[in-house]
């Protein structure tokens, strides 16, 4: 009986060693696969420079005009960048505005050559991650008298907020 116990114990130990060797595999490898899903929300950004910082406000336009002056011009530039291939349009909120009895026109153009006539207030394009330059030209037509209010001899100022919108 003693012999059987030793044989049974030897077989049990040999079986355990065999199972451990099979689990680790002699010099083999094991592998598995997985998926990586990327979800992209394509957007556009607008900025006064090409750095596109979080607080990069567009530059204002200031026009100095004296009654009956000749044509007076101003301009501001900005950049738009969109995800590659994303279609977008850039639009001004108005073509012609009157303030202080003076009518001025706004024009929008791609590039760096300003448009000073109303009518071109939207430009369509396709996204480029490097950004694209746009320019807004403003023109007060010469010969206008203006109006600072009844009986006023002092110079006057009025600021009219304008909006440029990128739709994509």
N, C-alpha and C. Protein backbone atom coordinates (compact mmCIF):
# COMPACT_ATOMS: atom_id res chain seq x y z
N UNK A 1 0.81 -1.18 0.00
CA UNK A 1 0.00 0.00 0.00
C UNK A 1 0.85 1.24 0.00
N UNK A 2 1.97 1.14 0.63
CA UNK A 2 2.87 2.27 0.68
C UNK A 2 3.36 2.61 -0.71
N UNK A 3 3.59 1.62 -1.55
CA UNK A 3 4.07 1.85 -2.90
C UNK A 3 3.06 2.63 -3.72
N UNK A 4 1.81 2.32 -3.61
CA UNK A 4 0.76 3.02 -4.37
C UNK A 4 0.67 4.49 -3.98
N UNK A 5 0.84 4.78 -2.74
CA UNK A 5 0.77 6.17 -2.30
C UNK A 5 1.88 6.99 -2.92
N UNK A 6 3.06 6.44 -2.94
CA UNK A 6 4.21 7.16 -3.50
C UNK A 6 4.01 7.33 -5.00
N UNK A 7 3.52 6.31 -5.69
CA UNK A 7 3.29 6.41 -7.13
C UNK A 7 2.20 7.43 -7.41
N UNK A 8 1.14 7.41 -6.63
CA UNK A 8 0.04 8.36 -6.82
C UNK A 8 0.53 9.76 -6.57
N UNK A 9 1.33 9.97 -5.54
CA UNK A 9 1.87 11.30 -5.25
C UNK A 9 2.79 11.75 -6.35
N UNK A 10 3.60 10.87 -6.89
CA UNK A 10 4.52 11.22 -7.98
C UNK A 10 3.73 11.60 -9.22
N UNK A 11 2.70 10.84 -9.54
CA UNK A 11 1.87 11.16 -10.70
C UNK A 11 1.16 12.50 -10.52
N UNK A 12 0.68 12.78 -9.34
CA UNK A 12 -0.01 14.04 -9.07
C UNK A 12 0.95 15.20 -9.24
N UNK A 13 2.16 15.08 -8.74
CA UNK A 13 3.16 16.15 -8.89
C UNK A 13 3.54 16.31 -10.35
N UNK A 14 3.73 15.21 -11.07
CA UNK A 14 4.08 15.26 -12.48
C UNK A 14 2.95 15.91 -13.27
N UNK A 15 1.71 15.60 -12.94
CA UNK A 15 0.56 16.20 -13.64
C UNK A 15 0.50 17.69 -13.39
N UNK A 16 0.78 18.15 -12.18
CA UNK A 16 0.77 19.57 -11.85
C UNK A 16 1.85 20.29 -12.63
N UNK A 17 3.05 19.70 -12.68
CA UNK A 17 4.15 20.32 -13.41
C UNK A 17 3.81 20.40 -14.89
N UNK A 18 3.17 19.37 -15.43
CA UNK A 18 2.80 19.36 -16.83
C UNK A 18 1.76 20.43 -17.12
N UNK A 19 0.78 20.63 -16.24
CA UNK A 19 -0.25 21.65 -16.43
C UNK A 19 0.37 23.03 -16.39
N UNK A 20 1.28 23.29 -15.47
CA UNK A 20 1.92 24.60 -15.35
C UNK A 20 2.75 24.89 -16.59
N UNK A 21 3.42 23.89 -17.13
CA UNK A 21 4.23 24.09 -18.33
C UNK A 21 3.36 24.41 -19.52
N UNK A 22 2.22 23.78 -19.66
CA UNK A 22 1.32 24.03 -20.80
C UNK A 22 0.70 25.43 -20.71
N UNK A 23 0.40 25.92 -19.52
CA UNK A 23 -0.22 27.23 -19.36
C UNK A 23 0.74 28.33 -19.79
N UNK A 24 2.01 28.21 -19.46
CA UNK A 24 2.98 29.23 -19.80
C UNK A 24 3.42 29.10 -21.25
N UNK A 25 3.40 27.95 -21.79
CA UNK A 25 3.85 27.70 -23.15
C UNK A 25 5.35 27.79 -23.25
N UNK A 26 5.94 26.85 -23.90
CA UNK A 26 7.40 26.85 -24.01
C UNK A 26 7.84 27.85 -25.07
N UNK A 27 8.17 29.09 -24.68
CA UNK A 27 8.68 30.11 -25.60
C UNK A 27 7.63 30.67 -26.55
N UNK A 28 6.37 30.50 -26.29
CA UNK A 28 5.32 30.97 -27.18
C UNK A 28 4.82 32.36 -26.81
N UNK A 29 3.90 32.85 -27.57
CA UNK A 29 3.27 34.14 -27.28
C UNK A 29 1.76 34.01 -27.39
N UNK A 30 1.09 34.89 -26.78
CA UNK A 30 -0.36 34.96 -26.88
C UNK A 30 -0.72 36.40 -27.27
N UNK A 31 -1.75 36.60 -28.05
CA UNK A 31 -2.12 37.96 -28.45
C UNK A 31 -3.63 38.09 -28.50
N UNK A 32 -4.10 39.32 -28.50
CA UNK A 32 -5.51 39.64 -28.61
C UNK A 32 -5.65 40.91 -29.44
N UNK A 33 -6.81 41.21 -29.90
CA UNK A 33 -7.03 42.42 -30.70
C UNK A 33 -8.05 43.32 -30.01
N UNK A 34 -7.99 44.60 -30.34
CA UNK A 34 -8.96 45.56 -29.84
C UNK A 34 -9.11 46.67 -30.88
N UNK A 35 -10.18 47.43 -30.80
CA UNK A 35 -10.46 48.53 -31.71
C UNK A 35 -10.23 49.87 -31.01
N UNK A 36 -9.79 50.85 -31.77
CA UNK A 36 -9.70 52.23 -31.29
C UNK A 36 -10.66 53.04 -32.15
N UNK A 37 -11.61 53.70 -31.53
CA UNK A 37 -12.57 54.52 -32.24
C UNK A 37 -12.28 55.98 -31.93
N UNK A 38 -12.13 56.79 -32.98
CA UNK A 38 -11.91 58.22 -32.84
C UNK A 38 -13.14 58.94 -33.36
N UNK A 39 -13.73 59.79 -32.54
CA UNK A 39 -14.89 60.59 -32.93
C UNK A 39 -14.45 62.04 -33.11
N UNK A 40 -14.58 62.56 -34.32
CA UNK A 40 -14.16 63.92 -34.66
C UNK A 40 -15.39 64.79 -34.88
N UNK A 41 -15.41 65.96 -34.25
CA UNK A 41 -16.42 66.96 -34.52
C UNK A 41 -15.71 68.08 -35.28
N UNK A 42 -15.88 68.16 -36.59
CA UNK A 42 -15.19 69.20 -37.35
C UNK A 42 -15.77 70.57 -37.05
N UNK A 43 -14.90 71.55 -36.81
CA UNK A 43 -15.33 72.91 -36.49
C UNK A 43 -14.52 73.91 -37.29
N UNK A 44 -14.93 75.16 -37.18
CA UNK A 44 -14.19 76.30 -37.73
C UNK A 44 -13.88 77.25 -36.58
N UNK A 45 -12.81 78.02 -36.75
CA UNK A 45 -12.42 79.04 -35.78
C UNK A 45 -12.15 80.34 -36.52
N UNK A 46 -12.33 81.46 -35.82
CA UNK A 46 -12.07 82.78 -36.38
C UNK A 46 -11.18 83.53 -35.40
N UNK A 47 -10.19 84.26 -35.91
CA UNK A 47 -9.26 84.99 -35.05
C UNK A 47 -8.64 86.14 -35.83
N UNK A 48 -8.11 87.10 -35.10
CA UNK A 48 -7.46 88.24 -35.75
C UNK A 48 -6.04 87.90 -36.21
N UNK A 49 -5.48 86.81 -35.70
CA UNK A 49 -4.14 86.38 -36.11
C UNK A 49 -4.21 84.92 -36.55
N UNK A 50 -3.07 84.39 -36.91
CA UNK A 50 -3.03 82.98 -37.32
C UNK A 50 -2.75 82.05 -36.14
N UNK A 51 -2.66 82.59 -34.93
CA UNK A 51 -2.39 81.74 -33.77
C UNK A 51 -3.66 81.15 -33.17
N UNK A 52 -4.82 81.73 -33.43
CA UNK A 52 -6.11 81.22 -32.99
C UNK A 52 -6.14 80.96 -31.49
N UNK A 53 -5.77 81.97 -30.70
CA UNK A 53 -5.83 81.87 -29.25
C UNK A 53 -7.26 81.96 -28.75
N UNK A 54 -7.45 81.54 -27.51
CA UNK A 54 -8.79 81.51 -26.92
C UNK A 54 -9.40 82.91 -26.78
N UNK A 55 -8.58 83.93 -26.58
CA UNK A 55 -9.12 85.28 -26.39
C UNK A 55 -8.68 86.21 -27.52
N UNK A 56 -8.60 85.71 -28.72
CA UNK A 56 -8.12 86.46 -29.86
C UNK A 56 -9.28 87.23 -30.51
N UNK A 57 -9.59 88.41 -29.99
CA UNK A 57 -10.69 89.23 -30.49
C UNK A 57 -10.32 89.86 -31.83
N UNK A 58 -11.33 90.09 -32.65
CA UNK A 58 -11.10 90.76 -33.92
C UNK A 58 -10.78 92.23 -33.68
N UNK A 59 -10.01 92.81 -34.58
CA UNK A 59 -9.60 94.21 -34.44
C UNK A 59 -10.73 95.15 -34.86
N UNK A 60 -10.85 96.25 -34.15
CA UNK A 60 -11.86 97.26 -34.46
C UNK A 60 -11.40 98.16 -35.59
N UNK A 61 -12.34 98.86 -36.19
CA UNK A 61 -12.05 99.84 -37.24
C UNK A 61 -12.48 101.21 -36.71
N UNK A 62 -11.62 102.18 -36.81
CA UNK A 62 -11.94 103.54 -36.39
C UNK A 62 -11.81 104.47 -37.60
N UNK A 63 -12.87 105.20 -37.89
CA UNK A 63 -12.87 106.12 -39.03
C UNK A 63 -12.99 107.56 -38.51
N UNK A 64 -12.08 108.42 -38.92
CA UNK A 64 -12.14 109.84 -38.59
C UNK A 64 -12.62 110.58 -39.82
N UNK A 65 -13.73 111.27 -39.67
CA UNK A 65 -14.38 111.92 -40.81
C UNK A 65 -14.85 113.30 -40.37
N UNK A 66 -14.55 114.30 -41.15
CA UNK A 66 -15.08 115.65 -40.94
C UNK A 66 -16.14 115.89 -42.00
N UNK A 67 -17.17 116.63 -41.64
CA UNK A 67 -18.26 116.90 -42.59
C UNK A 67 -17.70 117.27 -43.96
N UNK A 68 -18.29 116.67 -44.99
CA UNK A 68 -18.00 116.93 -46.40
C UNK A 68 -16.59 116.52 -46.85
N UNK A 69 -15.91 115.70 -46.04
CA UNK A 69 -14.61 115.15 -46.44
C UNK A 69 -14.78 114.30 -47.69
N UNK A 70 -13.66 114.00 -48.37
CA UNK A 70 -13.73 113.02 -49.47
C UNK A 70 -13.93 111.61 -48.87
N UNK A 71 -14.02 110.61 -49.74
CA UNK A 71 -14.18 109.23 -49.28
C UNK A 71 -13.16 108.91 -48.19
N UNK A 72 -13.62 108.21 -47.16
CA UNK A 72 -12.76 107.80 -46.05
C UNK A 72 -12.84 106.28 -45.92
N UNK A 73 -11.67 105.66 -45.77
CA UNK A 73 -11.59 104.20 -45.79
C UNK A 73 -10.99 103.65 -44.50
N UNK A 74 -11.39 102.43 -44.15
CA UNK A 74 -10.82 101.70 -43.04
C UNK A 74 -10.90 100.21 -43.34
N UNK A 75 -10.17 99.42 -42.58
CA UNK A 75 -10.20 97.97 -42.81
C UNK A 75 -9.74 97.22 -41.58
N UNK A 76 -10.11 95.95 -41.53
CA UNK A 76 -9.63 95.03 -40.52
C UNK A 76 -9.47 93.66 -41.17
N UNK A 77 -8.53 92.89 -40.67
CA UNK A 77 -8.31 91.55 -41.22
C UNK A 77 -8.57 90.51 -40.14
N UNK A 78 -8.85 89.32 -40.58
CA UNK A 78 -9.03 88.19 -39.67
C UNK A 78 -8.75 86.91 -40.43
N UNK A 79 -8.65 85.83 -39.71
CA UNK A 79 -8.35 84.52 -40.30
C UNK A 79 -9.41 83.51 -39.88
N UNK A 80 -9.68 82.58 -40.78
CA UNK A 80 -10.60 81.49 -40.52
C UNK A 80 -9.87 80.19 -40.80
N UNK A 81 -10.01 79.24 -39.89
CA UNK A 81 -9.50 77.90 -40.17
C UNK A 81 -10.59 76.90 -39.81
N UNK A 82 -10.70 75.89 -40.65
CA UNK A 82 -11.70 74.84 -40.46
C UNK A 82 -11.04 73.49 -40.67
N UNK A 83 -11.70 72.46 -40.20
CA UNK A 83 -11.21 71.11 -40.44
C UNK A 83 -11.07 70.91 -41.95
N UNK A 84 -10.04 70.22 -42.36
CA UNK A 84 -9.76 70.01 -43.79
C UNK A 84 -10.99 69.45 -44.50
N UNK A 85 -11.32 70.07 -45.61
CA UNK A 85 -12.44 69.60 -46.43
C UNK A 85 -13.81 70.07 -45.97
N UNK A 86 -13.91 70.75 -44.83
CA UNK A 86 -15.19 71.22 -44.32
C UNK A 86 -15.61 72.48 -45.07
N UNK A 87 -16.78 72.45 -45.69
CA UNK A 87 -17.29 73.61 -46.41
C UNK A 87 -17.80 74.64 -45.41
N UNK A 88 -17.54 75.92 -45.70
CA UNK A 88 -18.00 76.98 -44.81
C UNK A 88 -18.25 78.25 -45.61
N UNK A 89 -18.95 79.19 -44.99
CA UNK A 89 -19.11 80.51 -45.58
C UNK A 89 -18.88 81.56 -44.51
N UNK A 90 -18.36 82.70 -44.94
CA UNK A 90 -18.10 83.84 -44.06
C UNK A 90 -19.04 84.95 -44.50
N UNK A 91 -19.72 85.57 -43.54
CA UNK A 91 -20.73 86.57 -43.88
C UNK A 91 -20.69 87.73 -42.90
N UNK A 92 -20.90 88.93 -43.43
CA UNK A 92 -21.08 90.12 -42.59
C UNK A 92 -22.56 90.29 -42.30
N UNK A 93 -22.87 90.92 -41.20
CA UNK A 93 -24.28 91.11 -40.82
C UNK A 93 -24.95 92.26 -41.57
N UNK A 94 -24.19 93.13 -42.22
CA UNK A 94 -24.78 94.27 -42.93
C UNK A 94 -23.85 94.72 -44.05
N UNK A 95 -24.45 95.32 -45.07
CA UNK A 95 -23.67 95.89 -46.17
C UNK A 95 -23.58 97.41 -46.04
N UNK A 96 -24.66 98.01 -45.59
CA UNK A 96 -24.74 99.46 -45.47
C UNK A 96 -25.30 99.82 -44.10
N UNK A 97 -24.63 100.75 -43.44
CA UNK A 97 -25.03 101.17 -42.09
C UNK A 97 -25.01 102.69 -42.04
N UNK A 98 -25.97 103.28 -41.31
CA UNK A 98 -25.99 104.73 -41.11
C UNK A 98 -25.88 105.02 -39.63
N UNK A 99 -24.95 105.89 -39.28
CA UNK A 99 -24.79 106.35 -37.91
C UNK A 99 -24.31 107.80 -37.95
N UNK A 100 -24.77 108.60 -37.03
CA UNK A 100 -24.43 110.02 -36.96
C UNK A 100 -24.72 110.73 -38.28
N UNK A 101 -25.73 110.28 -38.99
CA UNK A 101 -26.08 110.88 -40.27
C UNK A 101 -25.12 110.56 -41.40
N UNK A 102 -24.21 109.63 -41.18
CA UNK A 102 -23.23 109.22 -42.19
C UNK A 102 -23.50 107.77 -42.57
N UNK A 103 -23.56 107.51 -43.86
CA UNK A 103 -23.76 106.14 -44.34
C UNK A 103 -22.41 105.56 -44.74
N UNK A 104 -22.14 104.38 -44.23
CA UNK A 104 -20.91 103.69 -44.64
C UNK A 104 -21.27 102.31 -45.19
N UNK A 105 -20.42 101.81 -46.07
CA UNK A 105 -20.61 100.48 -46.65
C UNK A 105 -19.49 99.57 -46.16
N UNK A 106 -19.82 98.30 -46.07
CA UNK A 106 -18.86 97.27 -45.68
C UNK A 106 -18.72 96.28 -46.82
N UNK A 107 -17.51 95.84 -47.04
CA UNK A 107 -17.25 94.81 -48.04
C UNK A 107 -16.35 93.74 -47.47
N UNK A 108 -16.58 92.51 -47.86
CA UNK A 108 -15.81 91.37 -47.37
C UNK A 108 -15.09 90.73 -48.55
N UNK A 109 -13.83 90.40 -48.35
CA UNK A 109 -13.07 89.74 -49.42
C UNK A 109 -12.11 88.72 -48.81
N UNK A 110 -11.84 87.67 -49.55
CA UNK A 110 -10.80 86.72 -49.17
C UNK A 110 -9.47 87.32 -49.57
N UNK A 111 -8.45 87.06 -48.78
CA UNK A 111 -7.12 87.58 -49.09
C UNK A 111 -6.83 88.85 -48.33
N UNK A 112 -6.03 89.73 -48.95
CA UNK A 112 -5.59 90.95 -48.26
C UNK A 112 -5.96 92.23 -48.99
N UNK A 113 -6.70 92.14 -50.09
CA UNK A 113 -7.14 93.34 -50.81
C UNK A 113 -8.57 93.65 -50.40
N UNK A 114 -8.79 94.80 -49.76
CA UNK A 114 -10.12 95.09 -49.23
C UNK A 114 -11.14 95.39 -50.33
N UNK A 115 -12.38 95.07 -50.01
CA UNK A 115 -13.52 95.44 -50.85
C UNK A 115 -14.24 96.56 -50.12
N UNK A 116 -14.44 97.70 -50.77
CA UNK A 116 -15.05 98.84 -50.10
C UNK A 116 -16.48 99.10 -50.54
N UNK A 117 -17.03 98.20 -51.29
CA UNK A 117 -18.40 98.39 -51.74
C UNK A 117 -19.28 97.33 -51.13
N UNK A 118 -20.50 97.72 -50.80
CA UNK A 118 -21.44 96.74 -50.25
C UNK A 118 -21.82 95.74 -51.33
N UNK A 119 -22.42 94.68 -50.96
CA UNK A 119 -22.88 93.68 -51.92
C UNK A 119 -22.15 92.37 -51.79
N UNK A 120 -20.88 92.40 -51.48
CA UNK A 120 -20.13 91.16 -51.30
C UNK A 120 -20.01 90.91 -49.81
N UNK A 121 -21.08 90.40 -49.22
CA UNK A 121 -21.06 90.19 -47.77
C UNK A 121 -20.94 88.73 -47.39
N UNK A 122 -20.75 87.83 -48.35
CA UNK A 122 -20.58 86.41 -48.03
C UNK A 122 -19.54 85.81 -48.96
N UNK A 123 -18.68 84.97 -48.41
CA UNK A 123 -17.66 84.27 -49.18
C UNK A 123 -17.71 82.81 -48.77
N UNK A 124 -17.79 81.90 -49.75
CA UNK A 124 -17.81 80.46 -49.48
C UNK A 124 -16.43 79.87 -49.75
N UNK A 125 -16.07 78.84 -48.99
CA UNK A 125 -14.77 78.21 -49.16
C UNK A 125 -14.81 76.81 -48.56
N UNK A 126 -13.67 76.11 -48.65
CA UNK A 126 -13.52 74.79 -48.06
C UNK A 126 -12.37 74.83 -47.08
N UNK A 127 -12.51 74.14 -45.96
CA UNK A 127 -11.56 74.20 -44.87
C UNK A 127 -10.12 73.90 -45.22
N UNK A 128 -9.25 74.64 -44.54
CA UNK A 128 -7.80 74.42 -44.61
C UNK A 128 -7.28 74.63 -43.20
N UNK A 129 -6.63 73.65 -42.64
CA UNK A 129 -6.24 73.73 -41.24
C UNK A 129 -5.24 74.84 -40.96
N UNK A 130 -4.55 75.34 -41.99
CA UNK A 130 -3.60 76.42 -41.78
C UNK A 130 -4.29 77.77 -41.63
N UNK A 131 -5.52 77.88 -42.05
CA UNK A 131 -6.25 79.14 -41.95
C UNK A 131 -6.19 79.93 -43.24
N UNK A 132 -7.17 80.80 -43.42
CA UNK A 132 -7.25 81.64 -44.61
C UNK A 132 -7.55 83.07 -44.18
N UNK A 133 -6.91 84.01 -44.83
CA UNK A 133 -7.06 85.43 -44.49
C UNK A 133 -8.28 86.03 -45.18
N UNK A 134 -8.97 86.90 -44.44
CA UNK A 134 -10.10 87.67 -44.96
C UNK A 134 -9.91 89.12 -44.54
N UNK A 135 -10.56 90.01 -45.27
CA UNK A 135 -10.45 91.43 -44.96
C UNK A 135 -11.82 92.08 -45.10
N UNK A 136 -12.12 92.98 -44.18
CA UNK A 136 -13.34 93.78 -44.24
C UNK A 136 -12.92 95.21 -44.52
N UNK A 137 -13.46 95.77 -45.58
CA UNK A 137 -13.22 97.17 -45.90
C UNK A 137 -14.45 98.00 -45.56
N UNK A 138 -14.23 99.21 -45.04
CA UNK A 138 -15.32 100.12 -44.69
C UNK A 138 -15.06 101.43 -45.40
N UNK A 139 -16.12 101.98 -45.98
CA UNK A 139 -15.99 103.25 -46.71
C UNK A 139 -17.14 104.19 -46.36
N UNK A 140 -16.78 105.39 -45.92
CA UNK A 140 -17.75 106.46 -45.80
C UNK A 140 -17.64 107.27 -47.09
N UNK A 141 -18.72 107.32 -47.85
CA UNK A 141 -18.70 108.08 -49.10
C UNK A 141 -18.52 109.56 -48.79
N UNK A 142 -17.68 110.21 -49.56
CA UNK A 142 -17.39 111.63 -49.35
C UNK A 142 -18.60 112.52 -49.59
N UNK A 143 -18.51 113.74 -49.08
CA UNK A 143 -19.54 114.75 -49.31
C UNK A 143 -20.71 114.70 -48.35
N UNK A 144 -20.73 113.81 -47.39
CA UNK A 144 -21.83 113.73 -46.43
C UNK A 144 -21.60 114.73 -45.28
N UNK A 145 -22.68 115.33 -44.82
CA UNK A 145 -22.57 116.33 -43.75
C UNK A 145 -22.51 115.73 -42.36
N UNK A 146 -23.26 114.65 -42.12
CA UNK A 146 -23.31 114.05 -40.79
C UNK A 146 -24.25 114.81 -39.88
N UNK A 147 -24.51 114.27 -38.69
CA UNK A 147 -25.44 114.88 -37.75
C UNK A 147 -25.08 114.45 -36.33
N UNK A 148 -24.58 115.41 -35.54
CA UNK A 148 -24.26 115.13 -34.14
C UNK A 148 -25.42 115.45 -33.21
N UNK A 149 -26.54 115.82 -33.75
CA UNK A 149 -27.70 116.14 -32.91
C UNK A 149 -28.03 117.61 -33.01
N UNK A 150 -29.20 117.94 -32.66
CA UNK A 150 -29.73 119.29 -32.77
C UNK A 150 -28.87 120.30 -32.01
N UNK A 151 -28.37 121.30 -32.72
CA UNK A 151 -27.65 122.41 -32.11
C UNK A 151 -26.27 122.07 -31.59
N UNK A 152 -25.73 120.92 -31.93
CA UNK A 152 -24.42 120.52 -31.40
C UNK A 152 -23.30 121.03 -32.28
N UNK A 153 -22.33 121.69 -31.64
CA UNK A 153 -21.12 122.14 -32.34
C UNK A 153 -19.94 121.23 -32.04
N UNK A 154 -20.09 120.35 -31.09
CA UNK A 154 -18.98 119.50 -30.66
C UNK A 154 -18.88 118.25 -31.54
N UNK A 155 -17.67 117.73 -31.61
CA UNK A 155 -17.47 116.47 -32.31
C UNK A 155 -18.24 115.38 -31.58
N UNK A 156 -18.67 114.39 -32.30
CA UNK A 156 -19.41 113.30 -31.67
C UNK A 156 -18.87 111.96 -32.17
N UNK A 157 -19.16 110.94 -31.40
CA UNK A 157 -18.69 109.59 -31.69
C UNK A 157 -19.82 108.61 -31.47
N UNK A 158 -19.90 107.62 -32.31
CA UNK A 158 -20.84 106.52 -32.10
C UNK A 158 -20.19 105.24 -32.58
N UNK A 159 -20.34 104.21 -31.81
CA UNK A 159 -19.79 102.90 -32.17
C UNK A 159 -20.94 101.98 -32.53
N UNK A 160 -20.87 101.38 -33.69
CA UNK A 160 -21.88 100.39 -34.09
C UNK A 160 -21.19 99.04 -34.19
N UNK A 161 -21.64 98.11 -33.40
CA UNK A 161 -21.07 96.76 -33.42
C UNK A 161 -21.48 96.03 -34.69
N UNK A 162 -20.55 95.42 -35.33
CA UNK A 162 -20.79 94.62 -36.53
C UNK A 162 -20.40 93.20 -36.21
N UNK A 163 -20.98 92.25 -36.94
CA UNK A 163 -20.71 90.84 -36.69
C UNK A 163 -20.28 90.14 -37.98
N UNK A 164 -19.24 89.35 -37.89
CA UNK A 164 -18.84 88.46 -38.98
C UNK A 164 -19.15 87.04 -38.48
N UNK A 165 -19.81 86.26 -39.32
CA UNK A 165 -20.22 84.92 -38.92
C UNK A 165 -19.64 83.88 -39.88
N UNK A 166 -19.11 82.82 -39.32
CA UNK A 166 -18.64 81.68 -40.11
C UNK A 166 -19.64 80.56 -39.90
N UNK A 167 -20.27 80.14 -40.98
CA UNK A 167 -21.26 79.06 -40.93
C UNK A 167 -20.67 77.83 -41.60
N UNK A 168 -20.77 76.69 -40.93
CA UNK A 168 -20.22 75.44 -41.48
C UNK A 168 -21.12 74.30 -41.19
